[in-house]
Each structure stands twice: as C-alpha cells, then as structure tokens.
N, C-alpha and C. Protein backbone atom coordinates (compact mmCIF):
# COMPACT_ATOMS: atom_id res chain seq x y z
N MET A 1 9.72 20.09 -10.19
CA MET A 1 9.46 18.72 -9.70
C MET A 1 9.75 18.64 -8.21
N ILE A 2 8.82 18.01 -7.48
CA ILE A 2 8.98 17.82 -6.04
C ILE A 2 9.57 16.43 -5.80
N GLU A 3 10.72 16.36 -5.14
CA GLU A 3 11.36 15.07 -4.86
C GLU A 3 10.78 14.46 -3.58
N TYR A 4 10.68 15.25 -2.52
CA TYR A 4 10.09 14.76 -1.28
C TYR A 4 9.57 15.93 -0.47
N ILE A 5 8.71 15.61 0.50
CA ILE A 5 8.19 16.61 1.44
C ILE A 5 8.47 16.11 2.84
N ARG A 6 9.05 16.97 3.65
CA ARG A 6 9.31 16.63 5.05
C ARG A 6 8.53 17.60 5.94
N GLY A 7 7.78 17.07 6.87
CA GLY A 7 7.01 17.94 7.76
C GLY A 7 6.19 17.12 8.75
N GLN A 8 5.31 17.81 9.45
CA GLN A 8 4.46 17.18 10.45
C GLN A 8 3.19 16.64 9.81
N ILE A 9 2.71 15.52 10.32
CA ILE A 9 1.44 14.97 9.85
C ILE A 9 0.31 15.79 10.46
N ALA A 10 -0.44 16.48 9.60
CA ALA A 10 -1.58 17.26 10.07
C ALA A 10 -2.85 16.42 10.07
N GLU A 11 -3.00 15.57 9.06
CA GLU A 11 -4.13 14.64 8.97
C GLU A 11 -3.62 13.35 8.35
N LEU A 12 -4.24 12.24 8.74
CA LEU A 12 -3.81 10.96 8.18
C LEU A 12 -4.98 9.99 8.10
N SER A 13 -5.15 9.41 6.92
CA SER A 13 -6.12 8.34 6.72
C SER A 13 -5.42 7.28 5.87
N PRO A 14 -6.03 6.11 5.70
CA PRO A 14 -5.37 5.07 4.90
C PRO A 14 -5.12 5.44 3.44
N THR A 15 -5.73 6.53 2.96
CA THR A 15 -5.54 6.92 1.56
C THR A 15 -4.96 8.31 1.38
N LEU A 16 -4.89 9.10 2.46
CA LEU A 16 -4.43 10.48 2.32
C LEU A 16 -3.61 10.92 3.53
N ALA A 17 -2.48 11.56 3.26
CA ALA A 17 -1.67 12.16 4.32
C ALA A 17 -1.54 13.65 4.02
N VAL A 18 -1.90 14.48 4.99
CA VAL A 18 -1.69 15.91 4.86
C VAL A 18 -0.44 16.26 5.67
N ILE A 19 0.60 16.68 4.98
CA ILE A 19 1.86 17.01 5.63
C ILE A 19 2.04 18.52 5.63
N GLU A 20 2.20 19.09 6.81
CA GLU A 20 2.41 20.54 6.92
C GLU A 20 3.90 20.82 6.89
N ALA A 21 4.33 21.57 5.89
CA ALA A 21 5.75 21.94 5.74
C ALA A 21 5.83 23.40 5.33
N GLY A 22 6.53 24.18 6.14
CA GLY A 22 6.69 25.59 5.82
C GLY A 22 5.39 26.36 5.81
N GLY A 23 4.45 25.95 6.65
CA GLY A 23 3.18 26.65 6.72
C GLY A 23 2.18 26.25 5.64
N VAL A 24 2.53 25.28 4.81
CA VAL A 24 1.65 24.81 3.75
C VAL A 24 1.27 23.36 4.02
N GLY A 25 -0.01 23.03 3.85
CA GLY A 25 -0.47 21.65 4.02
C GLY A 25 -0.55 20.96 2.68
N TYR A 26 0.28 19.95 2.47
CA TYR A 26 0.31 19.21 1.21
C TYR A 26 -0.52 17.93 1.35
N GLY A 27 -1.53 17.79 0.50
CA GLY A 27 -2.35 16.57 0.50
C GLY A 27 -1.74 15.53 -0.41
N LEU A 28 -1.28 14.43 0.15
CA LEU A 28 -0.60 13.38 -0.61
C LEU A 28 -1.44 12.11 -0.61
N ASN A 29 -1.76 11.61 -1.79
CA ASN A 29 -2.41 10.31 -1.89
C ASN A 29 -1.40 9.24 -1.52
N ILE A 30 -1.80 8.31 -0.66
CA ILE A 30 -0.86 7.28 -0.18
C ILE A 30 -1.48 5.89 -0.30
N SER A 31 -0.63 4.88 -0.24
CA SER A 31 -1.08 3.49 -0.22
C SER A 31 -1.18 3.02 1.23
N LEU A 32 -1.77 1.86 1.41
CA LEU A 32 -1.87 1.28 2.75
C LEU A 32 -0.49 0.94 3.31
N ASN A 33 0.46 0.61 2.43
CA ASN A 33 1.84 0.35 2.88
C ASN A 33 2.44 1.58 3.52
N THR A 34 2.28 2.73 2.85
CA THR A 34 2.84 3.98 3.39
C THR A 34 2.10 4.38 4.66
N TYR A 35 0.78 4.20 4.66
CA TYR A 35 -0.01 4.51 5.85
C TYR A 35 0.50 3.73 7.07
N THR A 36 0.75 2.44 6.85
CA THR A 36 1.26 1.59 7.93
C THR A 36 2.63 2.06 8.41
N ALA A 37 3.47 2.50 7.45
CA ALA A 37 4.84 2.91 7.78
C ALA A 37 4.88 4.19 8.61
N ILE A 38 3.93 5.11 8.38
CA ILE A 38 4.01 6.41 9.05
C ILE A 38 3.00 6.57 10.17
N GLN A 39 2.07 5.64 10.28
CA GLN A 39 1.04 5.74 11.32
C GLN A 39 1.68 5.74 12.70
N GLY A 40 1.29 6.70 13.52
CA GLY A 40 1.78 6.76 14.89
C GLY A 40 3.14 7.42 15.06
N LEU A 41 3.76 7.86 13.95
CA LEU A 41 5.07 8.53 14.06
C LEU A 41 4.90 9.94 14.59
N SER A 42 5.83 10.35 15.43
CA SER A 42 5.84 11.73 15.91
C SER A 42 7.04 12.44 15.30
N GLY A 43 7.01 13.76 15.31
CA GLY A 43 8.09 14.51 14.69
C GLY A 43 7.90 14.60 13.19
N ASP A 44 8.95 15.01 12.50
CA ASP A 44 8.88 15.17 11.06
C ASP A 44 8.79 13.83 10.34
N VAL A 45 7.99 13.80 9.30
CA VAL A 45 7.84 12.63 8.43
C VAL A 45 8.31 13.02 7.04
N LYS A 46 9.02 12.13 6.38
CA LYS A 46 9.51 12.39 5.02
C LYS A 46 8.83 11.44 4.05
N LEU A 47 8.15 12.01 3.06
CA LEU A 47 7.51 11.20 2.03
C LEU A 47 8.07 11.59 0.67
N PHE A 48 8.45 10.57 -0.10
CA PHE A 48 8.91 10.80 -1.46
C PHE A 48 7.68 11.03 -2.34
N VAL A 49 7.83 11.89 -3.32
CA VAL A 49 6.67 12.41 -4.04
C VAL A 49 6.79 12.19 -5.54
N THR A 50 5.66 11.92 -6.17
CA THR A 50 5.55 12.03 -7.62
C THR A 50 4.27 12.80 -7.91
N GLU A 51 4.28 13.54 -9.00
CA GLU A 51 3.16 14.39 -9.35
C GLU A 51 2.39 13.82 -10.53
N SER A 52 1.08 14.01 -10.51
CA SER A 52 0.22 13.60 -11.61
C SER A 52 -0.54 14.84 -12.08
N ILE A 53 -0.22 15.29 -13.28
CA ILE A 53 -0.81 16.53 -13.78
C ILE A 53 -1.65 16.22 -15.02
N ARG A 54 -2.95 16.52 -14.90
CA ARG A 54 -3.86 16.38 -16.04
C ARG A 54 -4.60 17.70 -16.22
N GLU A 55 -5.34 17.80 -17.31
CA GLU A 55 -6.09 19.03 -17.57
C GLU A 55 -7.09 19.33 -16.46
N ASP A 56 -7.67 18.27 -15.90
CA ASP A 56 -8.74 18.46 -14.91
C ASP A 56 -8.29 18.20 -13.48
N ALA A 57 -7.02 17.85 -13.26
CA ALA A 57 -6.60 17.53 -11.89
C ALA A 57 -5.08 17.63 -11.73
N TYR A 58 -4.70 18.01 -10.51
CA TYR A 58 -3.28 18.01 -10.13
C TYR A 58 -3.19 17.25 -8.82
N GLN A 59 -2.49 16.12 -8.83
CA GLN A 59 -2.42 15.27 -7.65
C GLN A 59 -0.98 15.02 -7.24
N LEU A 60 -0.79 14.89 -5.94
CA LEU A 60 0.50 14.50 -5.39
C LEU A 60 0.34 13.11 -4.77
N TRP A 61 1.32 12.25 -5.04
CA TRP A 61 1.33 10.90 -4.48
C TRP A 61 2.55 10.78 -3.57
N GLY A 62 2.35 10.28 -2.36
CA GLY A 62 3.44 10.18 -1.39
C GLY A 62 3.78 8.74 -1.05
N PHE A 63 5.07 8.49 -0.80
CA PHE A 63 5.55 7.13 -0.54
C PHE A 63 6.58 7.14 0.59
N ALA A 64 6.51 6.12 1.42
CA ALA A 64 7.44 6.03 2.55
C ALA A 64 8.86 5.71 2.08
N THR A 65 8.99 5.07 0.92
CA THR A 65 10.32 4.71 0.40
C THR A 65 10.41 5.04 -1.09
N LYS A 66 11.64 5.22 -1.56
CA LYS A 66 11.86 5.44 -3.00
C LYS A 66 11.47 4.20 -3.79
N GLY A 67 11.68 3.04 -3.22
CA GLY A 67 11.37 1.80 -3.92
C GLY A 67 9.88 1.67 -4.21
N GLU A 68 9.04 2.03 -3.24
CA GLU A 68 7.61 1.96 -3.47
C GLU A 68 7.21 2.98 -4.55
N ARG A 69 7.82 4.14 -4.53
CA ARG A 69 7.53 5.13 -5.57
C ARG A 69 7.92 4.59 -6.95
N GLU A 70 9.05 3.91 -7.03
CA GLU A 70 9.50 3.34 -8.31
C GLU A 70 8.50 2.30 -8.81
N LEU A 71 7.99 1.47 -7.91
CA LEU A 71 7.00 0.48 -8.30
C LEU A 71 5.71 1.15 -8.77
N PHE A 72 5.31 2.21 -8.10
CA PHE A 72 4.11 2.97 -8.49
C PHE A 72 4.27 3.50 -9.92
N LEU A 73 5.43 4.08 -10.21
CA LEU A 73 5.68 4.63 -11.55
C LEU A 73 5.71 3.52 -12.60
N LEU A 74 6.29 2.37 -12.25
CA LEU A 74 6.31 1.25 -13.18
C LEU A 74 4.89 0.75 -13.47
N LEU A 75 4.09 0.62 -12.42
CA LEU A 75 2.71 0.19 -12.61
C LEU A 75 1.95 1.18 -13.48
N ASN A 76 2.22 2.47 -13.26
CA ASN A 76 1.57 3.53 -14.03
C ASN A 76 1.92 3.45 -15.50
N SER A 77 3.07 2.87 -15.81
CA SER A 77 3.50 2.79 -17.21
C SER A 77 2.80 1.67 -17.98
N VAL A 78 2.09 0.81 -17.25
CA VAL A 78 1.37 -0.30 -17.90
C VAL A 78 0.05 0.21 -18.43
N SER A 79 -0.26 -0.12 -19.66
CA SER A 79 -1.51 0.31 -20.29
C SER A 79 -2.71 -0.12 -19.46
N GLY A 80 -3.59 0.84 -19.17
CA GLY A 80 -4.81 0.54 -18.43
C GLY A 80 -4.69 0.71 -16.93
N ILE A 81 -3.50 1.05 -16.44
CA ILE A 81 -3.32 1.25 -15.00
C ILE A 81 -2.98 2.72 -14.72
N GLY A 82 -3.88 3.39 -14.04
CA GLY A 82 -3.64 4.77 -13.63
C GLY A 82 -3.19 4.83 -12.19
N GLY A 83 -3.13 6.04 -11.67
CA GLY A 83 -2.67 6.21 -10.30
C GLY A 83 -3.53 5.48 -9.28
N ALA A 84 -4.85 5.55 -9.46
CA ALA A 84 -5.76 4.91 -8.50
C ALA A 84 -5.56 3.39 -8.49
N SER A 85 -5.44 2.80 -9.67
CA SER A 85 -5.25 1.34 -9.74
C SER A 85 -3.89 0.93 -9.18
N ALA A 86 -2.86 1.75 -9.45
CA ALA A 86 -1.53 1.45 -8.91
C ALA A 86 -1.55 1.49 -7.39
N ARG A 87 -2.30 2.47 -6.82
CA ARG A 87 -2.40 2.54 -5.37
C ARG A 87 -3.13 1.32 -4.81
N VAL A 88 -4.20 0.89 -5.49
CA VAL A 88 -4.93 -0.30 -5.03
C VAL A 88 -4.00 -1.50 -4.96
N ILE A 89 -3.18 -1.67 -5.99
CA ILE A 89 -2.24 -2.81 -6.01
C ILE A 89 -1.25 -2.70 -4.87
N LEU A 90 -0.71 -1.49 -4.65
CA LEU A 90 0.29 -1.30 -3.59
C LEU A 90 -0.34 -1.32 -2.20
N SER A 91 -1.66 -1.24 -2.13
CA SER A 91 -2.35 -1.38 -0.85
C SER A 91 -2.73 -2.83 -0.58
N ALA A 92 -2.89 -3.59 -1.66
CA ALA A 92 -3.30 -4.99 -1.52
C ALA A 92 -2.15 -5.91 -1.14
N MET A 93 -0.91 -5.48 -1.43
CA MET A 93 0.25 -6.32 -1.14
C MET A 93 1.47 -5.45 -0.86
N SER A 94 2.43 -6.00 -0.19
CA SER A 94 3.66 -5.27 0.09
C SER A 94 4.50 -5.17 -1.18
N PRO A 95 5.44 -4.22 -1.25
CA PRO A 95 6.34 -4.16 -2.40
C PRO A 95 7.05 -5.49 -2.66
N ASN A 96 7.43 -6.17 -1.59
CA ASN A 96 8.10 -7.46 -1.74
C ASN A 96 7.17 -8.49 -2.38
N GLU A 97 5.91 -8.53 -1.92
CA GLU A 97 4.95 -9.47 -2.47
C GLU A 97 4.65 -9.16 -3.93
N LEU A 98 4.58 -7.86 -4.26
CA LEU A 98 4.33 -7.46 -5.65
C LEU A 98 5.47 -7.90 -6.55
N CYS A 99 6.71 -7.64 -6.12
CA CYS A 99 7.87 -8.03 -6.92
C CYS A 99 7.91 -9.54 -7.11
N GLU A 100 7.64 -10.29 -6.04
CA GLU A 100 7.66 -11.75 -6.14
C GLU A 100 6.58 -12.25 -7.10
N ALA A 101 5.39 -11.65 -7.02
CA ALA A 101 4.29 -12.06 -7.89
C ALA A 101 4.65 -11.83 -9.35
N ILE A 102 5.26 -10.69 -9.64
CA ILE A 102 5.64 -10.38 -11.02
C ILE A 102 6.76 -11.29 -11.50
N MET A 103 7.79 -11.45 -10.67
CA MET A 103 8.93 -12.28 -11.08
C MET A 103 8.54 -13.76 -11.23
N ASN A 104 7.55 -14.20 -10.44
CA ASN A 104 7.12 -15.60 -10.49
C ASN A 104 5.92 -15.81 -11.41
N SER A 105 5.52 -14.75 -12.13
CA SER A 105 4.37 -14.82 -13.04
C SER A 105 3.12 -15.33 -12.33
N ASP A 106 2.91 -14.84 -11.11
CA ASP A 106 1.79 -15.30 -10.28
C ASP A 106 0.57 -14.39 -10.49
N GLU A 107 -0.23 -14.73 -11.48
CA GLU A 107 -1.42 -13.92 -11.78
C GLU A 107 -2.41 -13.91 -10.61
N ARG A 108 -2.49 -15.02 -9.91
CA ARG A 108 -3.47 -15.14 -8.82
C ARG A 108 -3.27 -14.05 -7.78
N VAL A 109 -2.02 -13.80 -7.40
CA VAL A 109 -1.74 -12.77 -6.39
C VAL A 109 -2.11 -11.39 -6.93
N LEU A 110 -1.75 -11.12 -8.18
CA LEU A 110 -2.06 -9.81 -8.75
C LEU A 110 -3.56 -9.60 -8.88
N LYS A 111 -4.29 -10.65 -9.20
CA LYS A 111 -5.74 -10.53 -9.34
C LYS A 111 -6.45 -10.36 -8.01
N SER A 112 -5.74 -10.58 -6.91
CA SER A 112 -6.36 -10.38 -5.59
C SER A 112 -6.59 -8.90 -5.32
N ALA A 113 -5.91 -8.01 -6.07
CA ALA A 113 -6.14 -6.57 -5.93
C ALA A 113 -7.43 -6.21 -6.64
N LYS A 114 -8.25 -5.42 -5.99
CA LYS A 114 -9.57 -5.05 -6.52
C LYS A 114 -9.44 -4.39 -7.89
N GLY A 115 -10.22 -4.88 -8.85
CA GLY A 115 -10.25 -4.26 -10.17
C GLY A 115 -9.20 -4.77 -11.14
N ILE A 116 -8.34 -5.69 -10.70
CA ILE A 116 -7.29 -6.23 -11.57
C ILE A 116 -7.73 -7.59 -12.08
N GLY A 117 -7.98 -7.66 -13.39
CA GLY A 117 -8.40 -8.92 -14.00
C GLY A 117 -7.23 -9.68 -14.58
N ALA A 118 -7.55 -10.79 -15.24
CA ALA A 118 -6.50 -11.66 -15.76
C ALA A 118 -5.65 -10.97 -16.82
N LYS A 119 -6.28 -10.24 -17.73
CA LYS A 119 -5.53 -9.58 -18.81
C LYS A 119 -4.60 -8.51 -18.26
N THR A 120 -5.09 -7.73 -17.31
CA THR A 120 -4.25 -6.69 -16.71
C THR A 120 -3.09 -7.31 -15.94
N ALA A 121 -3.37 -8.38 -15.21
CA ALA A 121 -2.31 -9.08 -14.47
C ALA A 121 -1.24 -9.60 -15.42
N GLN A 122 -1.67 -10.14 -16.57
CA GLN A 122 -0.72 -10.63 -17.56
C GLN A 122 0.14 -9.50 -18.12
N ARG A 123 -0.50 -8.34 -18.38
CA ARG A 123 0.25 -7.19 -18.90
C ARG A 123 1.29 -6.72 -17.90
N ILE A 124 0.91 -6.69 -16.63
CA ILE A 124 1.84 -6.28 -15.58
C ILE A 124 3.07 -7.19 -15.59
N ILE A 125 2.83 -8.48 -15.64
CA ILE A 125 3.93 -9.46 -15.62
C ILE A 125 4.83 -9.30 -16.84
N VAL A 126 4.22 -9.26 -18.01
CA VAL A 126 4.99 -9.20 -19.26
C VAL A 126 5.79 -7.90 -19.36
N GLU A 127 5.15 -6.77 -19.01
CA GLU A 127 5.80 -5.48 -19.20
C GLU A 127 6.78 -5.10 -18.09
N LEU A 128 6.61 -5.66 -16.90
CA LEU A 128 7.43 -5.20 -15.77
C LEU A 128 8.47 -6.20 -15.28
N ARG A 129 8.37 -7.46 -15.67
CA ARG A 129 9.31 -8.45 -15.11
C ARG A 129 10.76 -8.05 -15.37
N ASP A 130 11.09 -7.75 -16.61
CA ASP A 130 12.48 -7.40 -16.95
C ASP A 130 12.90 -6.08 -16.32
N LYS A 131 11.97 -5.13 -16.25
CA LYS A 131 12.29 -3.82 -15.67
C LYS A 131 12.61 -3.94 -14.19
N ILE A 132 11.82 -4.74 -13.49
CA ILE A 132 12.05 -4.94 -12.05
C ILE A 132 13.40 -5.62 -11.82
N ALA A 133 13.71 -6.60 -12.65
CA ALA A 133 14.99 -7.31 -12.52
C ALA A 133 16.16 -6.37 -12.82
N SER A 134 16.03 -5.55 -13.88
CA SER A 134 17.14 -4.66 -14.27
C SER A 134 17.37 -3.56 -13.25
N LEU A 135 16.30 -3.13 -12.58
CA LEU A 135 16.43 -2.09 -11.56
C LEU A 135 16.83 -2.66 -10.20
N GLY A 136 16.78 -3.99 -10.09
CA GLY A 136 17.15 -4.63 -8.82
C GLY A 136 16.10 -4.50 -7.74
N LEU A 137 14.87 -4.16 -8.12
CA LEU A 137 13.82 -3.95 -7.11
C LEU A 137 13.44 -5.25 -6.42
N ASN A 138 13.53 -6.37 -7.15
CA ASN A 138 13.19 -7.66 -6.54
C ASN A 138 14.14 -8.01 -5.41
N ALA A 139 15.38 -7.52 -5.48
CA ALA A 139 16.35 -7.77 -4.41
C ALA A 139 16.31 -6.69 -3.34
N ALA A 140 15.79 -5.52 -3.71
CA ALA A 140 15.81 -4.38 -2.78
C ALA A 140 14.81 -4.55 -1.66
N PHE A 141 13.71 -5.26 -1.94
CA PHE A 141 12.68 -5.43 -0.92
C PHE A 141 12.84 -6.78 -0.25
N SER A 142 12.65 -6.80 1.04
CA SER A 142 12.66 -8.05 1.78
C SER A 142 11.43 -8.07 2.66
N ALA A 143 11.06 -9.27 3.07
CA ALA A 143 9.86 -9.40 3.89
C ALA A 143 10.04 -8.63 5.18
N PRO A 144 8.98 -7.95 5.66
CA PRO A 144 9.10 -7.15 6.87
C PRO A 144 9.44 -8.02 8.07
N SER A 145 10.33 -7.51 8.88
CA SER A 145 10.70 -8.23 10.09
C SER A 145 9.97 -7.63 11.28
N GLY A 146 9.99 -8.31 12.37
CA GLY A 146 9.33 -7.80 13.56
C GLY A 146 9.02 -8.94 14.51
N GLN A 147 8.46 -8.58 15.67
CA GLN A 147 8.12 -9.59 16.65
C GLN A 147 6.93 -10.40 16.15
N PRO A 148 6.98 -11.72 16.30
CA PRO A 148 5.83 -12.52 15.89
C PRO A 148 4.63 -12.21 16.77
N MET A 149 3.42 -12.40 16.21
CA MET A 149 2.21 -12.15 16.97
C MET A 149 2.04 -13.21 18.05
N SER A 150 1.45 -12.80 19.16
CA SER A 150 1.12 -13.77 20.20
C SER A 150 -0.05 -14.62 19.70
N ASN A 151 -0.30 -15.72 20.36
CA ASN A 151 -1.39 -16.61 19.95
C ASN A 151 -2.74 -15.90 20.05
N GLU A 152 -2.88 -15.03 21.08
CA GLU A 152 -4.13 -14.31 21.28
C GLU A 152 -4.38 -13.33 20.14
N VAL A 153 -3.35 -12.58 19.77
CA VAL A 153 -3.49 -11.59 18.69
C VAL A 153 -3.70 -12.32 17.35
N LYS A 154 -3.00 -13.43 17.16
CA LYS A 154 -3.15 -14.21 15.92
C LYS A 154 -4.58 -14.74 15.79
N ALA A 155 -5.17 -15.13 16.92
CA ALA A 155 -6.55 -15.62 16.89
C ALA A 155 -7.51 -14.50 16.48
N VAL A 156 -7.28 -13.30 17.00
CA VAL A 156 -8.11 -12.14 16.63
C VAL A 156 -7.93 -11.84 15.15
N GLN A 157 -6.67 -11.90 14.69
CA GLN A 157 -6.38 -11.64 13.28
C GLN A 157 -7.13 -12.62 12.38
N ASP A 158 -7.03 -13.91 12.69
CA ASP A 158 -7.65 -14.94 11.86
C ASP A 158 -9.17 -14.77 11.82
N GLU A 159 -9.77 -14.48 12.98
CA GLU A 159 -11.23 -14.34 13.05
C GLU A 159 -11.70 -13.11 12.28
N ALA A 160 -10.95 -12.00 12.41
CA ALA A 160 -11.32 -10.77 11.71
C ALA A 160 -11.20 -10.95 10.20
N ILE A 161 -10.12 -11.59 9.76
CA ILE A 161 -9.93 -11.82 8.32
C ILE A 161 -11.04 -12.73 7.78
N ALA A 162 -11.39 -13.76 8.52
CA ALA A 162 -12.45 -14.68 8.09
C ALA A 162 -13.78 -13.94 7.95
N ALA A 163 -14.08 -13.08 8.92
CA ALA A 163 -15.34 -12.33 8.89
C ALA A 163 -15.38 -11.36 7.71
N LEU A 164 -14.29 -10.65 7.48
CA LEU A 164 -14.24 -9.68 6.38
C LEU A 164 -14.28 -10.38 5.02
N THR A 165 -13.65 -11.55 4.94
CA THR A 165 -13.68 -12.31 3.69
C THR A 165 -15.10 -12.77 3.39
N MET A 166 -15.83 -13.17 4.44
CA MET A 166 -17.23 -13.57 4.27
C MET A 166 -18.09 -12.39 3.84
N LEU A 167 -17.68 -11.19 4.19
CA LEU A 167 -18.41 -9.99 3.78
C LEU A 167 -18.10 -9.59 2.35
N GLY A 168 -17.16 -10.31 1.71
CA GLY A 168 -16.90 -10.07 0.29
C GLY A 168 -15.60 -9.36 -0.02
N PHE A 169 -14.78 -9.09 0.99
CA PHE A 169 -13.51 -8.41 0.74
C PHE A 169 -12.45 -9.43 0.33
N SER A 170 -11.55 -9.00 -0.56
CA SER A 170 -10.49 -9.89 -1.05
C SER A 170 -9.51 -10.24 0.09
N PRO A 171 -8.98 -11.45 0.09
CA PRO A 171 -8.11 -11.89 1.19
C PRO A 171 -6.84 -11.07 1.36
N ALA A 172 -6.14 -10.71 0.25
CA ALA A 172 -4.85 -10.03 0.38
C ALA A 172 -4.97 -8.65 1.03
N PRO A 173 -5.84 -7.74 0.53
CA PRO A 173 -5.95 -6.44 1.19
C PRO A 173 -6.55 -6.54 2.59
N THR A 174 -7.43 -7.55 2.78
CA THR A 174 -8.00 -7.74 4.12
C THR A 174 -6.91 -8.11 5.12
N HIS A 175 -6.04 -9.03 4.73
CA HIS A 175 -4.93 -9.46 5.61
C HIS A 175 -4.04 -8.26 5.94
N LYS A 176 -3.74 -7.44 4.93
CA LYS A 176 -2.86 -6.29 5.15
C LYS A 176 -3.51 -5.28 6.10
N ALA A 177 -4.81 -4.99 5.89
CA ALA A 177 -5.49 -4.02 6.74
C ALA A 177 -5.57 -4.49 8.19
N VAL A 178 -5.96 -5.76 8.37
CA VAL A 178 -6.10 -6.30 9.73
C VAL A 178 -4.74 -6.34 10.43
N THR A 179 -3.69 -6.73 9.72
CA THR A 179 -2.35 -6.78 10.30
C THR A 179 -1.90 -5.38 10.72
N ALA A 180 -2.17 -4.38 9.87
CA ALA A 180 -1.78 -3.01 10.20
C ALA A 180 -2.51 -2.52 11.45
N ILE A 181 -3.80 -2.86 11.55
CA ILE A 181 -4.59 -2.44 12.72
C ILE A 181 -4.05 -3.08 13.99
N LEU A 182 -3.75 -4.37 13.92
CA LEU A 182 -3.28 -5.08 15.11
C LEU A 182 -1.86 -4.67 15.51
N ARG A 183 -1.05 -4.21 14.54
CA ARG A 183 0.26 -3.67 14.91
C ARG A 183 0.09 -2.40 15.73
N ALA A 184 -0.90 -1.58 15.32
CA ALA A 184 -1.13 -0.31 16.02
C ALA A 184 -1.92 -0.53 17.31
N MET A 185 -2.84 -1.52 17.31
CA MET A 185 -3.70 -1.77 18.47
C MET A 185 -3.72 -3.25 18.80
N PRO A 186 -2.63 -3.77 19.37
CA PRO A 186 -2.54 -5.22 19.61
C PRO A 186 -3.58 -5.75 20.59
N ASP A 187 -4.19 -4.88 21.39
CA ASP A 187 -5.18 -5.32 22.38
C ASP A 187 -6.61 -5.20 21.87
N ALA A 188 -6.78 -4.84 20.60
CA ALA A 188 -8.11 -4.62 20.05
C ALA A 188 -8.90 -5.92 19.97
N SER A 189 -10.22 -5.82 20.17
CA SER A 189 -11.09 -6.98 20.04
C SER A 189 -11.37 -7.26 18.57
N VAL A 190 -11.92 -8.43 18.31
CA VAL A 190 -12.27 -8.78 16.93
C VAL A 190 -13.24 -7.75 16.36
N GLU A 191 -14.24 -7.37 17.15
CA GLU A 191 -15.24 -6.40 16.69
C GLU A 191 -14.60 -5.06 16.35
N ALA A 192 -13.69 -4.61 17.21
CA ALA A 192 -13.02 -3.33 16.99
C ALA A 192 -12.15 -3.37 15.72
N VAL A 193 -11.47 -4.50 15.52
CA VAL A 193 -10.63 -4.65 14.33
C VAL A 193 -11.48 -4.62 13.07
N ILE A 194 -12.60 -5.33 13.08
CA ILE A 194 -13.48 -5.38 11.90
C ILE A 194 -14.03 -3.99 11.61
N LYS A 195 -14.47 -3.27 12.63
CA LYS A 195 -15.02 -1.92 12.43
C LYS A 195 -13.98 -0.99 11.83
N GLN A 196 -12.75 -1.07 12.36
CA GLN A 196 -11.68 -0.22 11.86
C GLN A 196 -11.33 -0.61 10.42
N ALA A 197 -11.30 -1.90 10.12
CA ALA A 197 -10.98 -2.36 8.78
C ALA A 197 -12.02 -1.90 7.77
N LEU A 198 -13.28 -1.90 8.17
CA LEU A 198 -14.37 -1.47 7.28
C LEU A 198 -14.21 0.01 6.93
N LYS A 199 -13.63 0.79 7.83
CA LYS A 199 -13.40 2.21 7.55
C LYS A 199 -12.24 2.38 6.57
N MET A 200 -11.30 1.44 6.59
CA MET A 200 -10.10 1.54 5.77
C MET A 200 -10.29 1.00 4.36
N MET A 201 -11.24 0.09 4.18
CA MET A 201 -11.32 -0.65 2.92
C MET A 201 -12.48 -0.16 2.05
C-alpha cells in the first residue's frame, strides 16, 4: 500500500498530476481542489495516495490533504459512486462545502455536481452523515482564508461565471474553476479566464 508520494511535479492538469520520485513518474488522478492546492508550487510536492485496483485497471488517486482522501474513500463507499464520480464531487465543491452539505442534508448543493441526481444525493446524506460526524471531518475543514478579491477581479469573476453558466456549466464547479484561475492569474481578462475554464471543465 502506498501512503503518499513526495517528488517534483513533472506534469500537471486539473485532473492528473505526474509526480517524479526516485526516477519514476507516478500518474495520480486528482480533484480540482488538489490541483488548486499544488498549482504553481516549486520544490517537492507531497500527495496522499489511495489505490484503485480492478481486473482491467490500476489507478492511483492523489490528494493534497488526508482529509480530502478520507472524503474520497467515504464517497467511494456509497453505492453507485465510483472513483470518477467521487472526483467530480470533490472538484465541484471544497471539502468544507461537501461536509456542510451532507451535515445539513442539502441535496441541492450535492446535485450541483455533474452526474449526481436526487437519489444519489440522498444516499450520500443518509450513508455519510454519521460517519463524517464520528470522524470529526465536519470540524476538520474550515473555509479557505486569504486576501479578498479586488473589485476589478471580482467583476471579471462574476462575468466569467455568468458566461460559463449560460453555456450550460453548473454554477458550483464553474465558480471553483474560475476562482482557481483568478488566484493563479489575477490580471487575466474575462476572455482568458473563460478559455482557461473551458479547458479545465
């Protein structure tokens, strides 16, 4: 069992991180949360790992924190949710937002993740509420802190989100993608943000 991998980022996209460690490049499937956490980092990066082994595939999943990995495993334990669906959920909202949605029985937030319908959202809430409380995950995550956006950047954010929503993308993952882009490129134009978001989503 692989607990974590520490090494240099050889390649990085919103869904995949290739970490070179000991002369080996490990391809790790990642969420948008982890992508945002490690984007632009120099030096060694540490990702916590879980393995998915099937007859037809062997996959590694990487996470910036142990807490996000725990949420991924909990989501995976729900009937009908595999690794890909768990990643979609963890890309559509932060760990804090996910825990709050489950603890508050907020189906609307869970359904904002692509491919998650009402029945699946209900299963997530019923099966995971007590587990999240017993593990203390709802208290472990807090809303991300940081400098507030300037009025100019906020205006770009709002316009980009509105445009992407009109194109048919769900509001929650759109907000997360646009926010991540503007954190990395605060001077980006609305057009540049939308183009970059379309590559990520």
